[in-house]
Protein backbone atom coordinates (compact mmCIF):
# COMPACT_ATOMS: atom_id res chain seq x y z
CA MET A 1 11.64 13.63 1.46
CA ALA A 2 11.06 17.02 3.09
CA ARG A 3 7.24 16.63 2.79
CA PHE A 4 7.40 13.12 4.20
CA LEU A 5 9.38 14.28 7.26
CA ARG A 6 7.04 17.25 7.87
CA ILE A 7 3.98 15.02 7.77
CA ARG A 8 5.39 12.33 9.98
CA ARG A 9 6.75 14.88 12.51
CA GLY A 10 3.20 16.19 12.82
CA GLN A 11 1.94 12.71 13.71
CA ILE A 12 4.31 12.15 16.66
CA GLY A 13 3.45 13.92 19.93
CA PRO A 14 5.82 14.75 22.80
CA ALA A 15 4.31 12.02 24.98
CA ASP A 16 5.09 9.45 22.29
CA VAL A 17 8.82 10.07 22.73
CA GLY A 18 8.83 10.69 26.47
CA LEU A 19 8.78 14.48 26.45
CA PRO A 20 6.57 16.64 28.70
CA THR A 21 3.83 18.47 26.82
CA GLY A 22 4.37 21.59 28.92
CA PRO A 23 1.77 24.17 29.88
CA GLY A 24 -0.64 25.76 27.43
CA VAL A 25 -1.71 24.74 23.99
CA ARG A 26 0.98 23.87 21.44
CA ARG A 27 0.71 25.99 18.27
CA THR A 28 1.44 23.09 15.91
CA PRO A 29 0.59 19.40 16.11
CA GLY A 30 3.31 16.89 16.73
CA LEU A 31 6.92 17.45 17.66
CA ARG A 32 8.60 20.80 17.24
CA ARG A 33 11.57 20.86 14.86
CA GLU A 34 13.96 21.57 17.72
CA GLU A 35 12.62 18.62 19.70
CA LEU A 36 13.04 16.23 16.80
CA ALA A 37 16.53 17.56 16.07
CA ALA A 38 17.60 17.13 19.72
CA LEU A 39 16.26 13.59 19.92
CA ALA A 40 17.97 12.68 16.65
CA GLY A 41 21.28 14.24 17.65
CA VAL A 42 21.47 16.82 14.89
CA SER A 43 21.52 20.62 15.01
CA VAL A 44 18.24 22.46 14.66
CA ASP A 45 19.60 24.45 11.71
CA TYR A 46 20.61 21.30 9.88
CA TYR A 47 17.25 19.61 10.43
CA VAL A 48 15.41 22.76 9.30
CA ARG A 49 17.41 22.71 6.08
CA ILE A 50 16.41 19.07 5.51
CA GLU A 51 12.74 19.73 6.12
CA GLN A 52 12.74 22.81 3.92
CA GLY A 53 14.36 20.91 1.08
CA ARG A 54 17.62 22.94 1.22
CA GLU A 55 19.69 19.95 2.41
CA THR A 56 19.18 17.15 -0.07
CA ALA A 57 21.91 14.71 0.94
CA PRO A 58 21.65 13.78 4.64
CA SER A 59 23.68 10.73 5.58
CA ASP A 60 22.09 7.35 6.24
CA ALA A 61 23.11 7.76 9.92
CA VAL A 62 21.03 10.98 10.16
CA LEU A 63 18.11 9.35 8.34
CA ASP A 64 18.32 6.32 10.64
CA ALA A 65 18.17 8.59 13.66
CA LEU A 66 15.19 10.49 12.27
CA ALA A 67 13.43 7.23 11.51
CA ARG A 68 14.02 6.06 15.07
CA VAL A 69 12.58 9.24 16.63
CA LEU A 70 9.62 9.28 14.20
CA ARG A 71 9.00 5.64 15.01
CA LEU A 72 8.92 4.65 11.36
CA SER A 73 8.14 1.05 10.55
CA PRO A 74 10.76 -0.92 8.54
CA ASP A 75 8.77 -0.27 5.36
CA GLU A 76 8.57 3.45 6.12
CA HIS A 77 12.27 3.59 7.00
CA ALA A 78 13.16 2.01 3.65
CA HIS A 79 10.84 4.47 1.92
CA LEU A 80 12.59 7.40 3.60
CA LEU A 81 15.99 6.13 2.39
CA GLY A 82 14.60 5.83 -1.14
CA LEU A 83 13.21 9.38 -1.00
CA ALA A 84 16.63 10.57 0.12
CA ASP A 85 18.26 8.94 -2.87
CA GLN A 86 15.73 10.68 -5.10
CA ALA A 87 16.32 14.08 -3.44
CA ALA A 88 20.10 13.73 -3.80
CA GLY A 89 19.91 12.67 -7.43
CA ARG A 90 21.47 9.32 -6.65
CA THR A 91 20.63 6.06 -8.35
CA PRO A 92 17.55 4.77 -6.48
CA ARG A 93 18.14 1.73 -4.29
CA ARG A 94 15.12 0.24 -6.03
CA ARG A 95 15.13 0.74 -9.77
CA PRO A 96 11.82 1.56 -11.44
CA ALA A 97 10.17 -1.56 -12.86
CA GLU A 98 9.21 -1.51 -16.51
CA PRO A 99 5.54 -2.44 -17.00
CA LYS A 100 5.05 -5.78 -18.62
CA PRO A 101 2.25 -8.36 -18.84
CA ALA A 102 1.97 -11.44 -16.69
CA GLY A 103 3.94 -14.29 -18.26
CA PRO A 104 2.53 -17.70 -19.19
CA GLY A 105 4.11 -19.31 -16.12
CA LEU A 106 2.24 -16.98 -13.77
CA ARG A 107 -1.01 -17.48 -15.69
CA LEU A 108 -0.60 -21.23 -15.35
CA LEU A 109 0.02 -20.78 -11.63
CA LEU A 110 -3.28 -18.93 -11.28
CA GLU A 111 -5.09 -21.88 -12.87
CA SER A 112 -3.25 -24.30 -10.62
CA LEU A 113 -4.39 -22.42 -7.53
CA ARG A 114 -8.12 -22.76 -8.24
CA PRO A 115 -10.54 -22.68 -6.45
CA SER A 116 -8.45 -20.16 -4.49
CA PRO A 117 -8.99 -16.65 -5.92
CA ALA A 118 -5.65 -15.39 -7.24
CA TYR A 119 -4.26 -12.40 -9.09
CA VAL A 120 -1.07 -11.17 -10.65
CA LEU A 121 -0.60 -7.51 -9.62
CA ASP A 122 1.99 -4.93 -10.52
CA GLU A 123 3.43 -2.30 -8.22
CA VAL A 124 0.39 0.01 -8.37
CA ASN A 125 -2.04 -2.97 -8.02
CA ASP A 126 -3.07 -3.12 -11.67
CA VAL A 127 -4.55 -6.59 -12.23
CA LEU A 128 -2.31 -8.12 -14.88
CA ALA A 129 -4.12 -11.48 -14.70
CA ALA A 130 -6.74 -13.22 -12.53
CA ASN A 131 -8.35 -16.60 -12.39
CA PRO A 132 -12.14 -16.84 -12.62
CA GLU A 133 -12.51 -17.08 -8.83
CA GLY A 134 -10.39 -13.93 -8.48
CA LEU A 135 -12.78 -11.96 -10.64
CA ALA A 136 -15.82 -13.50 -8.94
CA LEU A 137 -14.52 -12.66 -5.47
CA MET A 138 -14.67 -8.95 -6.27
CA PRO A 139 -18.07 -8.42 -7.93
CA GLY A 140 -17.81 -5.74 -10.57
CA LEU A 141 -14.03 -5.95 -11.04
CA ALA A 142 -14.66 -7.55 -14.44
CA ASP A 143 -16.82 -4.53 -15.38
CA TYR A 144 -13.59 -2.62 -15.95
CA ALA A 145 -11.70 -3.12 -19.20
CA PRO A 146 -8.72 -5.48 -18.63
CA GLY A 147 -6.29 -2.56 -18.76
CA ALA A 148 -8.23 -0.59 -16.16
CA ARG A 149 -8.61 -3.32 -13.54
CA ASN A 150 -6.92 -2.16 -10.39
CA THR A 151 -7.74 -3.29 -6.87
CA ILE A 152 -7.17 0.15 -5.34
CA ARG A 153 -9.39 1.82 -7.94
CA TYR A 154 -11.97 -0.89 -7.20
CA ALA A 155 -11.82 -0.38 -3.42
CA PHE A 156 -12.44 3.39 -3.62
CA LEU A 157 -14.59 3.84 -6.73
CA HIS A 158 -16.71 0.71 -7.25
CA PRO A 159 -19.96 0.84 -5.25
CA ALA A 160 -19.81 -2.90 -4.50
CA ALA A 161 -16.54 -2.61 -2.62
CA ARG A 162 -17.91 -0.94 0.53
CA THR A 163 -20.36 -3.80 1.03
CA LEU A 164 -17.92 -6.52 -0.02
CA PHE A 165 -15.13 -5.66 2.44
CA ALA A 166 -16.45 -6.13 5.98
CA ASP A 167 -13.70 -3.80 7.27
CA TRP A 168 -13.60 -1.34 4.38
CA ASP A 169 -11.82 1.35 6.38
CA ARG A 170 -8.86 -0.96 7.15
CA VAL A 171 -8.70 -2.20 3.53
CA ALA A 172 -8.78 1.36 2.19
CA ARG A 173 -6.05 2.55 4.54
CA ASN A 174 -3.83 -0.40 3.68
CA CYS A 175 -4.41 0.16 -0.04
CA VAL A 176 -3.23 3.73 0.16
CA ALA A 177 -0.26 2.93 2.42
CA HIS A 178 0.82 0.23 -0.03
CA LEU A 179 0.52 2.63 -2.97
CA HIS A 180 3.09 4.89 -1.30
CA THR A 181 5.65 2.09 -1.66
CA ALA A 182 5.25 2.34 -5.47
CA GLU A 183 6.30 6.01 -5.63
CA LEU A 184 9.94 5.07 -6.18
CA GLY A 185 9.49 1.89 -8.21
CA ALA A 186 6.78 3.22 -10.55
CA PRO A 187 6.66 7.01 -10.07
CA GLY A 188 4.79 7.90 -13.28
CA ARG A 189 2.05 5.28 -12.90
CA THR A 190 1.69 6.05 -9.19
CA ALA A 191 1.27 9.77 -9.84
CA ALA A 192 -1.35 9.14 -12.51
CA LEU A 193 -3.39 6.83 -10.26
CA VAL A 194 -3.08 9.23 -7.30
CA GLU A 195 -4.32 12.15 -9.42
CA GLU A 196 -7.28 10.13 -10.66
CA LEU A 197 -8.34 8.78 -7.27
CA SER A 198 -7.76 12.06 -5.43
CA ALA A 199 -10.07 13.83 -7.85
CA ALA A 200 -12.74 11.13 -7.47
CA SER A 201 -12.51 10.36 -3.74
CA GLY A 202 -11.98 12.78 -0.87
CA GLU A 203 -11.34 9.78 1.37
CA PHE A 204 -8.48 8.61 -0.81
CA ALA A 205 -7.04 12.12 -0.95
CA ALA A 206 -7.11 12.43 2.86
CA LEU A 207 -5.49 9.04 3.38
CA TRP A 208 -2.83 9.84 0.76
CA ARG A 209 -1.85 13.00 2.62
CA ARG A 210 -1.19 10.98 5.77
CA HIS A 211 1.86 9.48 3.99
CA GLU A 212 1.62 6.10 5.72
CA VAL A 213 3.74 3.39 4.11
CA TRP A 214 3.05 -0.30 4.32
CA VAL A 215 4.09 -3.29 2.20
CA LYS A 216 1.28 -5.81 1.86
CA ARG A 217 2.20 -9.23 3.25
CA ALA A 218 0.27 -12.26 4.48
CA GLY A 219 -2.90 -11.56 6.42
CA ALA A 220 -6.65 -12.14 6.39
CA THR A 221 -9.60 -10.28 4.85
CA ALA A 222 -13.26 -10.52 5.86
CA PHE A 223 -15.82 -10.45 3.03
CA ARG A 224 -19.58 -10.07 2.80
CA HIS A 225 -20.03 -11.69 -0.58
CA PRO A 226 -23.37 -11.79 -2.43
CA ALA A 227 -22.83 -15.38 -3.58
CA ILE A 228 -20.98 -17.05 -0.68
CA GLY A 229 -22.01 -14.89 2.29
CA ARG A 230 -19.73 -13.84 5.15
CA VAL A 231 -16.30 -15.43 4.95
CA THR A 232 -12.82 -14.60 6.19
CA LEU A 233 -10.00 -15.72 3.92
CA ALA A 234 -6.29 -15.89 4.58
CA ASN A 235 -4.17 -14.16 1.94
CA GLU A 236 -0.62 -14.76 0.86
CA VAL A 237 1.59 -12.52 -1.31
CA LEU A 238 4.34 -14.01 -3.44
CA THR A 239 6.80 -11.60 -5.00
CA THR A 240 8.45 -12.35 -8.32
CA ALA A 241 12.11 -11.51 -8.87
CA GLY A 242 12.98 -8.08 -10.16
CA ASP A 243 9.96 -7.08 -12.21
CA GLY A 244 7.64 -5.51 -9.61
CA GLN A 245 5.00 -8.23 -10.04
CA ARG A 246 3.46 -10.28 -7.26
CA VAL A 247 0.83 -12.99 -6.87
CA LEU A 248 -1.98 -12.40 -4.35
CA VAL A 249 -3.87 -15.54 -3.27
CA TYR A 250 -6.89 -15.86 -1.00
CA GLN A 251 -7.11 -19.32 0.50
CA ALA A 252 -8.56 -21.57 3.21
CA PRO A 253 -7.61 -24.98 4.58
CA PRO A 254 -9.44 -27.93 2.94
CA GLY A 255 -12.36 -29.28 4.93
CA THR A 256 -13.23 -25.96 6.47
CA PRO A 257 -16.43 -23.95 5.88
CA GLU A 258 -14.24 -21.29 4.27
CA HIS A 259 -12.90 -23.77 1.73
CA ASP A 260 -16.42 -24.95 1.03
CA ALA A 261 -17.27 -21.31 0.33
CA LEU A 262 -14.42 -21.13 -2.21
CA VAL A 263 -15.78 -24.25 -3.96
CA LEU A 264 -19.17 -22.52 -4.12
CA LEU A 265 -17.45 -19.41 -5.51
CA ALA A 266 -15.82 -21.56 -8.20
CA LEU A 267 -19.21 -22.85 -9.26
CA ALA A 268 -20.53 -19.29 -9.45
CA ALA A 269 -17.43 -18.29 -11.45
CA GLN A 270 -17.51 -21.09 -14.01
CA ASP A 271 -18.66 -18.78 -16.76
CA VAL A 272 -16.25 -15.98 -15.86
CA ARG A 273 -13.33 -15.52 -18.23
CA ALA A 274 -10.10 -14.19 -16.68
CA PRO A 275 -8.15 -11.49 -18.54
């Protein structure tokens, strides 16, 4: 919690919250502690104790005020509350999910969604199951052993990813911001993946230190695919109840060039076997 607040304070400047920057060069980036404390309505000493990790049980009202001043998104605000629970030794508001495989119902759903590429992912984006189009959409994903298939690992470490994703920088940033949401639900698996990727990718390590938090929802992704060319696909995320799993689907309306591209992808994937 203390580290999160320090990092986010450094990313908010005086002008962002309507304060004058004053003359001269500021010695530290972002807001000063006393500025943040004043804007949040708490004493400087109390805020310093929070940021130094000496105050581990601030009230939700204080956390809400800090989130407002730091301009945290709803996802980031929820993450801060979860970190506060962890710091105070309270029962987390989101219990860690026990890893488990994708069930037969979800695997049948993936087949039913064809030719739309679809995946069952866990909290850290391990691929628990994928249909053939899902594996074909990310060339090289099937090179990993089934237990090592992870879309974040793929984005940062597989050489095909930088060509495949037309806006790789945005995809990479979103991947890391989403992984931060798994710190409370799957702390051990998150830490292991972060350690691996930080050692292998300086870009991942730098993004992780930004401490951005973002829950992946519906959107669109642009691809430069070796088999179907340039295509932008809508994506939808369906969350299952209580087990940390979700279904990610890339899709396009029937009769569009994008849907035709998915049909072509299905033909290219007919010999691919999903895990």
